[in-house]
Amino acid sequence: MSRRTEKVASLMHEKIGEYLKLLELPALTTISKVEVTPDLKWSKVWITVMGDGKKQTEVLKIIGENLRDLQKQLNRELTMKFVPKIKFVMDHGEEYAAKINELLRKTHEE
């Protein structure tokens, strides 16, 4: 990742976070990371949702319904020639880490 893509990703992380605060999401949602392609045309936003699969699906649905407004807001606020298009992806890293910790705890107790 170049310095420019890192700066764009950081700025998008901040702006998308501000936007997500305004939405009424059914579960605590955080942005894990934002990846931007080297040509700055696409970005992948990794989110973590505290809750079961149903809550995660609801959060992705609400974000998907508001994606066009979010993209418009970013296009207005970011002073760039091209603003990367956004794609939201569920980050299961926290769940996986919790599952591994649980397995380790069980083996330690036995």
PDB file of N, CA and C in Angstrom:
ATOM      1  N   MET A   1       0.850  -1.173   0.000  1.00  0.00           N
ATOM      2  CA  MET A   1       0.000   0.000   0.000  1.00  0.00           C
ATOM      3  C   MET A   1       0.896   1.236   0.000  1.00  0.00           C
ATOM      4  N   SER A   2       0.640   2.118  -0.926  1.00  0.00           N
ATOM      5  CA  SER A   2       1.451   3.336  -1.012  1.00  0.00           C
ATOM      6  C   SER A   2       0.990   4.357   0.035  1.00  0.00           C
ATOM      7  N   ARG A   3       1.789   5.378   0.172  1.00  0.00           N
ATOM      8  CA  ARG A   3       1.445   6.427   1.140  1.00  0.00           C
ATOM      9  C   ARG A   3       0.117   7.094   0.766  1.00  0.00           C
ATOM     10  N   ARG A   4      -0.096   7.299  -0.519  1.00  0.00           N
ATOM     11  CA  ARG A   4      -1.327   7.950  -0.970  1.00  0.00           C
ATOM     12  C   ARG A   4      -2.556   7.082  -0.657  1.00  0.00           C
ATOM     13  N   THR A   5      -2.489   5.794  -0.944  1.00  0.00           N
ATOM     14  CA  THR A   5      -3.632   4.921  -0.657  1.00  0.00           C
ATOM     15  C   THR A   5      -3.873   4.823   0.854  1.00  0.00           C
ATOM     16  N   GLU A   6      -2.785   4.856   1.636  1.00  0.00           N
ATOM     17  CA  GLU A   6      -2.950   4.839   3.097  1.00  0.00           C
ATOM     18  C   GLU A   6      -3.667   6.096   3.575  1.00  0.00           C
ATOM     19  N   LYS A   7      -3.297   7.247   3.012  1.00  0.00           N
ATOM     20  CA  LYS A   7      -3.935   8.497   3.411  1.00  0.00           C
ATOM     21  C   LYS A   7      -5.416   8.514   3.014  1.00  0.00           C
ATOM     22  N   VAL A   8      -5.713   8.025   1.810  1.00  0.00           N
ATOM     23  CA  VAL A   8      -7.106   7.984   1.351  1.00  0.00           C
ATOM     24  C   VAL A   8      -7.901   7.021   2.226  1.00  0.00           C
ATOM     25  N   ALA A   9      -7.320   5.862   2.531  1.00  0.00           N
ATOM     26  CA  ALA A   9      -8.007   4.878   3.374  1.00  0.00           C
ATOM     27  C   ALA A   9      -8.275   5.457   4.765  1.00  0.00           C
ATOM     28  N   SER A  10      -7.311   6.152   5.320  1.00  0.00           N
ATOM     29  CA  SER A  10      -7.484   6.754   6.642  1.00  0.00           C
ATOM     30  C   SER A  10      -8.599   7.809   6.629  1.00  0.00           C
ATOM     31  N   LEU A  11      -8.597   8.635   5.617  1.00  0.00           N
ATOM     32  CA  LEU A  11      -9.623   9.675   5.496  1.00  0.00           C
ATOM     33  C   LEU A  11     -11.011   9.055   5.314  1.00  0.00           C
ATOM     34  N   MET A  12     -11.093   8.028   4.483  1.00  0.00           N
ATOM     35  CA  MET A  12     -12.388   7.362   4.273  1.00  0.00           C
ATOM     36  C   MET A  12     -12.855   6.676   5.557  1.00  0.00           C
ATOM     37  N   HIS A  13     -11.916   6.083   6.288  1.00  0.00           N
ATOM     38  CA  HIS A  13     -12.251   5.443   7.571  1.00  0.00           C
ATOM     39  C   HIS A  13     -12.930   6.461   8.493  1.00  0.00           C
ATOM     40  N   GLU A  14     -12.346   7.629   8.583  1.00  0.00           N
ATOM     41  CA  GLU A  14     -12.889   8.686   9.440  1.00  0.00           C
ATOM     42  C   GLU A  14     -14.274   9.132   8.972  1.00  0.00           C
ATOM     43  N   LYS A  15     -14.416   9.401   7.682  1.00  0.00           N
ATOM     44  CA  LYS A  15     -15.691   9.919   7.150  1.00  0.00           C
ATOM     45  C   LYS A  15     -16.802   8.862   7.220  1.00  0.00           C
ATOM     46  N   ILE A  16     -16.469   7.617   6.906  1.00  0.00           N
ATOM     47  CA  ILE A  16     -17.481   6.557   6.962  1.00  0.00           C
ATOM     48  C   ILE A  16     -17.898   6.308   8.409  1.00  0.00           C
ATOM     49  N   GLY A  17     -16.946   6.381   9.333  1.00  0.00           N
ATOM     50  CA  GLY A  17     -17.265   6.228  10.750  1.00  0.00           C
ATOM     51  C   GLY A  17     -18.244   7.290  11.229  1.00  0.00           C
ATOM     52  N   GLU A  18     -18.011   8.527  10.800  1.00  0.00           N
ATOM     53  CA  GLU A  18     -18.929   9.608  11.164  1.00  0.00           C
ATOM     54  C   GLU A  18     -20.325   9.340  10.606  1.00  0.00           C
ATOM     55  N   TYR A  19     -20.381   8.835   9.379  1.00  0.00           N
ATOM     56  CA  TYR A  19     -21.681   8.557   8.752  1.00  0.00           C
ATOM     57  C   TYR A  19     -22.401   7.417   9.471  1.00  0.00           C
ATOM     58  N   LEU A  20     -21.657   6.363   9.815  1.00  0.00           N
ATOM     59  CA  LEU A  20     -22.286   5.212  10.476  1.00  0.00           C
ATOM     60  C   LEU A  20     -22.852   5.578  11.846  1.00  0.00           C
ATOM     61  N   LYS A  21     -22.256   6.579  12.500  1.00  0.00           N
ATOM     62  CA  LYS A  21     -22.778   7.036  13.796  1.00  0.00           C
ATOM     63  C   LYS A  21     -24.195   7.576  13.656  1.00  0.00           C
ATOM     64  N   LEU A  22     -24.508   8.137  12.493  1.00  0.00           N
ATOM     65  CA  LEU A  22     -25.825   8.744  12.272  1.00  0.00           C
ATOM     66  C   LEU A  22     -26.915   7.706  11.999  1.00  0.00           C
ATOM     67  N   LEU A  23     -26.513   6.514  11.562  1.00  0.00           N
ATOM     68  CA  LEU A  23     -27.491   5.467  11.270  1.00  0.00           C
ATOM     69  C   LEU A  23     -27.928   4.788  12.558  1.00  0.00           C
ATOM     70  N   GLU A  24     -29.170   4.331  12.582  1.00  0.00           N
ATOM     71  CA  GLU A  24     -29.661   3.580  13.742  1.00  0.00           C
ATOM     72  C   GLU A  24     -29.435   2.097  13.478  1.00  0.00           C
ATOM     73  N   LEU A  25     -28.257   1.631  13.835  1.00  0.00           N
ATOM     74  CA  LEU A  25     -27.899   0.236  13.600  1.00  0.00           C
ATOM     75  C   LEU A  25     -28.317  -0.603  14.804  1.00  0.00           C
ATOM     76  N   PRO A  26     -28.768  -1.841  14.584  1.00  0.00           N
ATOM     77  CA  PRO A  26     -29.276  -2.672  15.682  1.00  0.00           C
ATOM     78  C   PRO A  26     -28.191  -3.245  16.589  1.00  0.00           C
ATOM     79  N   ALA A  27     -26.930  -3.096  16.243  1.00  0.00           N
ATOM     80  CA  ALA A  27     -25.854  -3.637  17.072  1.00  0.00           C
ATOM     81  C   ALA A  27     -24.632  -2.718  16.975  1.00  0.00           C
ATOM     82  N   LEU A  28     -23.759  -2.854  17.963  1.00  0.00           N
ATOM     83  CA  LEU A  28     -22.521  -2.072  17.955  1.00  0.00           C
ATOM     84  C   LEU A  28     -21.703  -2.461  16.730  1.00  0.00           C
ATOM     85  N   THR A  29     -21.354  -1.490  15.933  1.00  0.00           N
ATOM     86  CA  THR A  29     -20.642  -1.737  14.680  1.00  0.00           C
ATOM     87  C   THR A  29     -19.388  -0.878  14.641  1.00  0.00           C
ATOM     88  N   THR A  30     -18.268  -1.510  14.321  1.00  0.00           N
ATOM     89  CA  THR A  30     -17.014  -0.766  14.203  1.00  0.00           C
ATOM     90  C   THR A  30     -16.380  -1.069  12.850  1.00  0.00           C
ATOM     91  N   ILE A  31     -15.574  -0.144  12.405  1.00  0.00           N
ATOM     92  CA  ILE A  31     -14.839  -0.343  11.158  1.00  0.00           C
ATOM     93  C   ILE A  31     -13.475  -0.903  11.527  1.00  0.00           C
ATOM     94  N   SER A  32     -13.171  -2.105  11.052  1.00  0.00           N
ATOM     95  CA  SER A  32     -11.887  -2.733  11.348  1.00  0.00           C
ATOM     96  C   SER A  32     -10.769  -2.106  10.528  1.00  0.00           C
ATOM     97  N   LYS A  33     -10.997  -2.020   9.242  1.00  0.00           N
ATOM     98  CA  LYS A  33      -9.996  -1.399   8.366  1.00  0.00           C
ATOM     99  C   LYS A  33     -10.642  -1.025   7.045  1.00  0.00           C
ATOM    100  N   VAL A  34      -9.955  -0.167   6.322  1.00  0.00           N
ATOM    101  CA  VAL A  34     -10.395   0.239   4.988  1.00  0.00           C
ATOM    102  C   VAL A  34      -9.230  -0.005   4.041  1.00  0.00           C
ATOM    103  N   GLU A  35      -9.505  -0.746   2.982  1.00  0.00           N
ATOM    104  CA  GLU A  35      -8.485  -1.010   1.969  1.00  0.00           C
ATOM    105  C   GLU A  35      -8.883  -0.284   0.686  1.00  0.00           C
ATOM    106  N   VAL A  36      -7.911   0.344   0.058  1.00  0.00           N
ATOM    107  CA  VAL A  36      -8.152   1.068  -1.183  1.00  0.00           C
ATOM    108  C   VAL A  36      -7.248   0.477  -2.265  1.00  0.00           C
ATOM    109  N   THR A  37      -7.808   0.266  -3.450  1.00  0.00           N
ATOM    110  CA  THR A  37      -7.002  -0.278  -4.542  1.00  0.00           C
ATOM    111  C   THR A  37      -5.963   0.758  -4.984  1.00  0.00           C
ATOM    112  N   PRO A  38      -4.844   0.319  -5.562  1.00  0.00           N
ATOM    113  CA  PRO A  38      -3.789   1.270  -5.972  1.00  0.00           C
ATOM    114  C   PRO A  38      -4.267   2.323  -6.974  1.00  0.00           C
ATOM    115  N   ASP A  39      -5.266   2.001  -7.805  1.00  0.00           N
ATOM    116  CA  ASP A  39      -5.766   3.006  -8.756  1.00  0.00           C
ATOM    117  C   ASP A  39      -6.815   3.920  -8.135  1.00  0.00           C
ATOM    118  N   LEU A  40      -7.108   3.743  -6.839  1.00  0.00           N
ATOM    119  CA  LEU A  40      -8.046   4.579  -6.071  1.00  0.00           C
ATOM    120  C   LEU A  40      -9.477   4.537  -6.625  1.00  0.00           C
ATOM    121  N   LYS A  41      -9.837   3.444  -7.286  1.00  0.00           N
ATOM    122  CA  LYS A  41     -11.194   3.371  -7.820  1.00  0.00           C
ATOM    123  C   LYS A  41     -12.133   2.568  -6.927  1.00  0.00           C
ATOM    124  N   TRP A  42     -11.604   1.673  -6.113  1.00  0.00           N
ATOM    125  CA  TRP A  42     -12.436   0.832  -5.253  1.00  0.00           C
ATOM    126  C   TRP A  42     -11.876   0.805  -3.846  1.00  0.00           C
ATOM    127  N   SER A  43     -12.784   0.639  -2.896  1.00  0.00           N
ATOM    128  CA  SER A  43     -12.354   0.476  -1.505  1.00  0.00           C
ATOM    129  C   SER A  43     -13.194  -0.621  -0.857  1.00  0.00           C
ATOM    130  N   LYS A  44     -12.568  -1.314   0.058  1.00  0.00           N
ATOM    131  CA  LYS A  44     -13.258  -2.372   0.792  1.00  0.00           C
ATOM    132  C   LYS A  44     -13.240  -1.972   2.256  1.00  0.00           C
ATOM    133  N   VAL A  45     -14.422  -1.871   2.860  1.00  0.00           N
ATOM    134  CA  VAL A  45     -14.555  -1.450   4.251  1.00  0.00           C
ATOM    135  C   VAL A  45     -14.905  -2.679   5.079  1.00  0.00           C
ATOM    136  N   TRP A  46     -14.009  -3.079   5.965  1.00  0.00           N
ATOM    137  CA  TRP A  46     -14.221  -4.235   6.827  1.00  0.00           C
ATOM    138  C   TRP A  46     -14.888  -3.774   8.105  1.00  0.00           C
ATOM    139  N   ILE A  47     -16.071  -4.345   8.427  1.00  0.00           N
ATOM    140  CA  ILE A  47     -16.777  -3.951   9.647  1.00  0.00           C
ATOM    141  C   ILE A  47     -16.925  -5.157  10.579  1.00  0.00           C
ATOM    142  N   THR A  48     -16.936  -4.854  11.860  1.00  0.00           N
ATOM    143  CA  THR A  48     -17.182  -5.853  12.897  1.00  0.00           C
ATOM    144  C   THR A  48     -18.482  -5.496  13.587  1.00  0.00           C
ATOM    145  N   VAL A  49     -19.383  -6.473  13.713  1.00  0.00           N
ATOM    146  CA  VAL A  49     -20.679  -6.251  14.360  1.00  0.00           C
ATOM    147  C   VAL A  49     -20.751  -7.143  15.586  1.00  0.00           C
ATOM    148  N   MET A  50     -21.038  -6.530  16.726  1.00  0.00           N
ATOM    149  CA  MET A  50     -21.193  -7.299  17.962  1.00  0.00           C
ATOM    150  C   MET A  50     -22.597  -7.887  17.970  1.00  0.00           C
ATOM    151  N   GLY A  51     -22.689  -9.170  17.764  1.00  0.00           N
ATOM    152  CA  GLY A  51     -23.999  -9.820  17.743  1.00  0.00           C
ATOM    153  C   GLY A  51     -23.957 -11.060  16.879  1.00  0.00           C
ATOM    154  N   ASP A  52     -25.087 -11.742  16.817  1.00  0.00           N
ATOM    155  CA  ASP A  52     -25.161 -12.990  16.058  1.00  0.00           C
ATOM    156  C   ASP A  52     -25.300 -12.704  14.557  1.00  0.00           C
ATOM    157  N   GLY A  53     -25.443 -13.774  13.796  1.00  0.00           N
ATOM    158  CA  GLY A  53     -25.539 -13.644  12.353  1.00  0.00           C
ATOM    159  C   GLY A  53     -26.727 -12.824  11.890  1.00  0.00           C
ATOM    160  N   LYS A  54     -27.827 -12.909  12.650  1.00  0.00           N
ATOM    161  CA  LYS A  54     -29.021 -12.143  12.283  1.00  0.00           C
ATOM    162  C   LYS A  54     -28.751 -10.639  12.380  1.00  0.00           C
ATOM    163  N   LYS A  55     -28.090 -10.241  13.476  1.00  0.00           N
ATOM    164  CA  LYS A  55     -27.758  -8.812  13.654  1.00  0.00           C
ATOM    165  C   LYS A  55     -26.804  -8.351  12.562  1.00  0.00           C
ATOM    166  N   GLN A  56     -25.833  -9.207  12.226  1.00  0.00           N
ATOM    167  CA  GLN A  56     -24.870  -8.837  11.189  1.00  0.00           C
ATOM    168  C   GLN A  56     -25.574  -8.625   9.857  1.00  0.00           C
ATOM    169  N   THR A  57     -26.523  -9.510   9.551  1.00  0.00           N
ATOM    170  CA  THR A  57     -27.274  -9.375   8.305  1.00  0.00           C
ATOM    171  C   THR A  57     -28.095  -8.092   8.300  1.00  0.00           C
ATOM    172  N   GLU A  58     -28.724  -7.780   9.449  1.00  0.00           N
ATOM    173  CA  GLU A  58     -29.522  -6.548   9.545  1.00  0.00           C
ATOM    174  C   GLU A  58     -28.650  -5.316   9.332  1.00  0.00           C
ATOM    175  N   VAL A  59     -27.463  -5.322   9.961  1.00  0.00           N
ATOM    176  CA  VAL A  59     -26.557  -4.170   9.836  1.00  0.00           C
ATOM    177  C   VAL A  59     -26.122  -4.002   8.380  1.00  0.00           C
ATOM    178  N   LEU A  60     -25.737  -5.088   7.738  1.00  0.00           N
ATOM    179  CA  LEU A  60     -25.325  -4.991   6.332  1.00  0.00           C
ATOM    180  C   LEU A  60     -26.472  -4.511   5.443  1.00  0.00           C
ATOM    181  N   LYS A  61     -27.691  -4.947   5.772  1.00  0.00           N
ATOM    182  CA  LYS A  61     -28.861  -4.512   4.988  1.00  0.00           C
ATOM    183  C   LYS A  61     -29.074  -3.006   5.134  1.00  0.00           C
ATOM    184  N   ILE A  62     -29.004  -2.508   6.375  1.00  0.00           N
ATOM    185  CA  ILE A  62     -29.206  -1.068   6.609  1.00  0.00           C
ATOM    186  C   ILE A  62     -28.109  -0.264   5.924  1.00  0.00           C
ATOM    187  N   ILE A  63     -26.878  -0.734   6.040  1.00  0.00           N
ATOM    188  CA  ILE A  63     -25.776  -0.016   5.389  1.00  0.00           C
ATOM    189  C   ILE A  63     -25.962  -0.046   3.871  1.00  0.00           C
ATOM    190  N   GLY A  64     -26.387  -1.200   3.344  1.00  0.00           N
ATOM    191  CA  GLY A  64     -26.618  -1.302   1.908  1.00  0.00           C
ATOM    192  C   GLY A  64     -27.703  -0.349   1.420  1.00  0.00           C
ATOM    193  N   GLU A  65     -28.753  -0.172   2.248  1.00  0.00           N
ATOM    194  CA  GLU A  65     -29.821   0.745   1.883  1.00  0.00           C
ATOM    195  C   GLU A  65     -29.352   2.196   1.863  1.00  0.00           C
ATOM    196  N   ASN A  66     -28.339   2.504   2.671  1.00  0.00           N
ATOM    197  CA  ASN A  66     -27.832   3.875   2.760  1.00  0.00           C
ATOM    198  C   ASN A  66     -26.519   4.083   2.003  1.00  0.00           C
ATOM    199  N   LEU A  67     -26.086   3.091   1.268  1.00  0.00           N
ATOM    200  CA  LEU A  67     -24.785   3.161   0.599  1.00  0.00           C
ATOM    201  C   LEU A  67     -24.712   4.296  -0.423  1.00  0.00           C
ATOM    202  N   ARG A  68     -25.799   4.498  -1.156  1.00  0.00           N
ATOM    203  CA  ARG A  68     -25.808   5.562  -2.169  1.00  0.00           C
ATOM    204  C   ARG A  68     -25.648   6.947  -1.517  1.00  0.00           C
ATOM    205  N   ASP A  69     -26.350   7.161  -0.400  1.00  0.00           N
ATOM    206  CA  ASP A  69     -26.219   8.441   0.303  1.00  0.00           C
ATOM    207  C   ASP A  69     -24.805   8.628   0.848  1.00  0.00           C
ATOM    208  N   LEU A  70     -24.243   7.542   1.382  1.00  0.00           N
ATOM    209  CA  LEU A  70     -22.874   7.615   1.897  1.00  0.00           C
ATOM    210  C   LEU A  70     -21.896   7.959   0.779  1.00  0.00           C
ATOM    211  N   GLN A  71     -22.068   7.318  -0.383  1.00  0.00           N
ATOM    212  CA  GLN A  71     -21.158   7.592  -1.505  1.00  0.00           C
ATOM    213  C   GLN A  71     -21.294   9.049  -1.958  1.00  0.00           C
ATOM    214  N   LYS A  72     -22.532   9.551  -2.014  1.00  0.00           N
ATOM    215  CA  LYS A  72     -22.746  10.955  -2.398  1.00  0.00           C
ATOM    216  C   LYS A  72     -22.071  11.900  -1.418  1.00  0.00           C
ATOM    217  N   GLN A  73     -22.206  11.608  -0.125  1.00  0.00           N
ATOM    218  CA  GLN A  73     -21.604  12.455   0.898  1.00  0.00           C
ATOM    219  C   GLN A  73     -20.082  12.449   0.770  1.00  0.00           C
ATOM    220  N   LEU A  74     -19.511  11.284   0.540  1.00  0.00           N
ATOM    221  CA  LEU A  74     -18.056  11.210   0.364  1.00  0.00           C
ATOM    222  C   LEU A  74     -17.621  11.978  -0.881  1.00  0.00           C
ATOM    223  N   ASN A  75     -18.386  11.851  -1.949  1.00  0.00           N
ATOM    224  CA  ASN A  75     -18.044  12.572  -3.178  1.00  0.00           C
ATOM    225  C   ASN A  75     -18.025  14.085  -2.958  1.00  0.00           C
ATOM    226  N   ARG A  76     -18.927  14.571  -2.100  1.00  0.00           N
ATOM    227  CA  ARG A  76     -18.975  16.004  -1.808  1.00  0.00           C
ATOM    228  C   ARG A  76     -17.838  16.436  -0.892  1.00  0.00           C
ATOM    229  N   GLU A  77     -17.541  15.608   0.125  1.00  0.00           N
ATOM    230  CA  GLU A  77     -16.599  16.020   1.168  1.00  0.00           C
ATOM    231  C   GLU A  77     -15.132  15.814   0.805  1.00  0.00           C
ATOM    232  N   LEU A  78     -14.839  14.803   0.024  1.00  0.00           N
ATOM    233  CA  LEU A  78     -13.446  14.530  -0.305  1.00  0.00           C
ATOM    234  C   LEU A  78     -13.064  15.296  -1.564  1.00  0.00           C
ATOM    235  N   THR A  79     -11.975  16.019  -1.488  1.00  0.00           N
ATOM    236  CA  THR A  79     -11.534  16.811  -2.632  1.00  0.00           C
ATOM    237  C   THR A  79     -10.518  16.007  -3.433  1.00  0.00           C
ATOM    238  N   MET A  80     -11.039  15.060  -4.188  1.00  0.00           N
ATOM    239  CA  MET A  80     -10.200  14.199  -5.014  1.00  0.00           C
ATOM    240  C   MET A  80     -10.834  14.130  -6.400  1.00  0.00           C
ATOM    241  N   LYS A  81     -10.028  13.772  -7.380  1.00  0.00           N
ATOM    242  CA  LYS A  81     -10.567  13.638  -8.737  1.00  0.00           C
ATOM    243  C   LYS A  81     -11.570  12.484  -8.786  1.00  0.00           C
ATOM    244  N   PHE A  82     -11.176  11.322  -8.248  1.00  0.00           N
ATOM    245  CA  PHE A  82     -12.062  10.163  -8.166  1.00  0.00           C
ATOM    246  C   PHE A  82     -12.141   9.711  -6.710  1.00  0.00           C
ATOM    247  N   VAL A  83     -13.345   9.533  -6.220  1.00  0.00           N
ATOM    248  CA  VAL A  83     -13.532   8.980  -4.874  1.00  0.00           C
ATOM    249  C   VAL A  83     -13.784   7.491  -5.047  1.00  0.00           C
ATOM    250  N   PRO A  84     -13.033   6.651  -4.338  1.00  0.00           N
ATOM    251  CA  PRO A  84     -13.215   5.201  -4.502  1.00  0.00           C
ATOM    252  C   PRO A  84     -14.641   4.753  -4.176  1.00  0.00           C
ATOM    253  N   LYS A  85     -15.148   3.832  -4.974  1.00  0.00           N
ATOM    254  CA  LYS A  85     -16.448   3.224  -4.707  1.00  0.00           C
ATOM    255  C   LYS A  85     -16.302   2.306  -3.494  1.00  0.00           C
ATOM    256  N   ILE A  86     -17.359   2.229  -2.699  1.00  0.00           N
ATOM    257  CA  ILE A  86     -17.280   1.521  -1.422  1.00  0.00           C
ATOM    258  C   ILE A  86     -17.950   0.159  -1.511  1.00  0.00           C
ATOM    259  N   LYS A  87     -17.309  -0.818  -0.884  1.00  0.00           N
ATOM    260  CA  LYS A  87     -17.921  -2.133  -0.703  1.00  0.00           C
ATOM    261  C   LYS A  87     -17.711  -2.527   0.760  1.00  0.00           C
ATOM    262  N   PHE A  88     -18.806  -2.870   1.449  1.00  0.00           N
ATOM    263  CA  PHE A  88     -18.715  -3.283   2.848  1.00  0.00           C
ATOM    264  C   PHE A  88     -18.574  -4.795   2.939  1.00  0.00           C
ATOM    265  N   VAL A  89     -17.688  -5.238   3.825  1.00  0.00           N
ATOM    266  CA  VAL A  89     -17.430  -6.660   4.026  1.00  0.00           C
ATOM    267  C   VAL A  89     -17.418  -6.928   5.522  1.00  0.00           C
ATOM    268  N   MET A  90     -18.035  -8.047   5.917  1.00  0.00           N
ATOM    269  CA  MET A  90     -18.063  -8.423   7.330  1.00  0.00           C
ATOM    270  C   MET A  90     -16.696  -8.982   7.728  1.00  0.00           C
ATOM    271  N   ASP A  91     -16.138  -8.465   8.814  1.00  0.00           N
ATOM    272  CA  ASP A  91     -14.858  -8.948   9.331  1.00  0.00           C
ATOM    273  C   ASP A  91     -15.144  -9.949  10.450  1.00  0.00           C
ATOM    274  N   HIS A  92     -14.791 -11.207  10.231  1.00  0.00           N
ATOM    275  CA  HIS A  92     -15.040 -12.253  11.210  1.00  0.00           C
ATOM    276  C   HIS A  92     -13.797 -12.554  12.052  1.00  0.00           C
ATOM    277  N   GLY A  93     -12.805 -11.704  11.999  1.00  0.00           N
ATOM    278  CA  GLY A  93     -11.563 -11.918  12.743  1.00  0.00           C
ATOM    279  C   GLY A  93     -11.768 -11.986  14.247  1.00  0.00           C
ATOM    280  N   GLU A  94     -12.636 -11.109  14.779  1.00  0.00           N
ATOM    281  CA  GLU A  94     -12.897 -11.094  16.225  1.00  0.00           C
ATOM    282  C   GLU A  94     -13.588 -12.386  16.661  1.00  0.00           C
ATOM    283  N   GLU A  95     -14.567 -12.838  15.861  1.00  0.00           N
ATOM    284  CA  GLU A  95     -15.266 -14.087  16.188  1.00  0.00           C
ATOM    285  C   GLU A  95     -14.291 -15.256  16.169  1.00  0.00           C
ATOM    286  N   TYR A  96     -13.447 -15.280  15.162  1.00  0.00           N
ATOM    287  CA  TYR A  96     -12.481 -16.369  15.035  1.00  0.00           C
ATOM    288  C   TYR A  96     -11.519 -16.371  16.228  1.00  0.00           C
ATOM    289  N   ALA A  97     -11.045 -15.195  16.626  1.00  0.00           N
ATOM    290  CA  ALA A  97     -10.138 -15.098  17.771  1.00  0.00           C
ATOM    291  C   ALA A  97     -10.830 -15.558  19.060  1.00  0.00           C
ATOM    292  N   ALA A  98     -12.100 -15.180  19.230  1.00  0.00           N
ATOM    293  CA  ALA A  98     -12.849 -15.604  20.419  1.00  0.00           C
ATOM    294  C   ALA A  98     -13.037 -17.115  20.441  1.00  0.00           C
ATOM    295  N   LYS A  99     -13.284 -17.692  19.279  1.00  0.00           N
ATOM    296  CA  LYS A  99     -13.468 -19.138  19.177  1.00  0.00           C
ATOM    297  C   LYS A  99     -12.169 -19.865  19.520  1.00  0.00           C
ATOM    298  N   ILE A 100     -11.055 -19.380  19.025  1.00  0.00           N
ATOM    299  CA  ILE A 100      -9.749 -19.989  19.323  1.00  0.00           C
ATOM    300  C   ILE A 100      -9.442 -19.879  20.818  1.00  0.00           C
ATOM    301  N   ASN A 101      -9.718 -18.701  21.397  1.00  0.00           N
ATOM    302  CA  ASN A 101      -9.489 -18.526  22.830  1.00  0.00           C
ATOM    303  C   ASN A 101     -10.331 -19.492  23.651  1.00  0.00           C
ATOM    304  N   GLU A 102     -11.587 -19.697  23.241  1.00  0.00           N
ATOM    305  CA  GLU A 102     -12.469 -20.628  23.944  1.00  0.00           C
ATOM    306  C   GLU A 102     -11.924 -22.051  23.864  1.00  0.00           C
ATOM    307  N   LEU A 103     -11.466 -22.455  22.685  1.00  0.00           N
ATOM    308  CA  LEU A 103     -10.902 -23.794  22.511  1.00  0.00           C
ATOM    309  C   LEU A 103      -9.641 -23.968  23.356  1.00  0.00           C
ATOM    310  N   LEU A 104      -8.797 -22.948  23.392  1.00  0.00           N
ATOM    311  CA  LEU A 104      -7.578 -23.013  24.202  1.00  0.00           C
ATOM    312  C   LEU A 104      -7.912 -23.120  25.693  1.00  0.00           C
ATOM    313  N   ARG A 105      -8.931 -22.357  26.121  1.00  0.00           N
ATOM    314  CA  ARG A 105      -9.340 -22.399  27.525  1.00  0.00           C
ATOM    315  C   ARG A 105      -9.860 -23.793  27.893  1.00  0.00           C
ATOM    316  N   LYS A 106     -10.651 -24.393  26.991  1.00  0.00           N
ATOM    317  CA  LYS A 106     -11.197 -25.730  27.251  1.00  0.00           C
ATOM    318  C   LYS A 106     -10.080 -26.767  27.348  1.00  0.00           C
ATOM    319  N   THR A 107      -9.107 -26.698  26.459  1.00  0.00           N
ATOM    320  CA  THR A 107      -8.010 -27.673  26.505  1.00  0.00           C
ATOM    321  C   THR A 107      -7.144 -27.463  27.740  1.00  0.00           C
ATOM    322  N   HIS A 108      -7.023 -26.214  28.171  1.00  0.00           N
ATOM    323  CA  HIS A 108      -6.236 -25.913  29.366  1.00  0.00           C
ATOM    324  C   HIS A 108      -6.925 -26.457  30.622  1.00  0.00           C
ATOM    325  N   GLU A 109      -8.268 -26.396  30.666  1.00  0.00           N
ATOM    326  CA  GLU A 109      -9.027 -26.876  31.820  1.00  0.00           C
ATOM    327  C   GLU A 109      -9.004 -28.401  31.936  1.00  0.00           C
ATOM    328  N   GLU A 110      -8.878 -29.088  30.801  1.00  0.00           N
ATOM    329  CA  GLU A 110      -8.912 -30.566  30.808  1.00  0.00           C
ATOM    330  C   GLU A 110      -7.613 -31.183  31.266  1.00  0.00           C
TER     331      GLU A 110
END
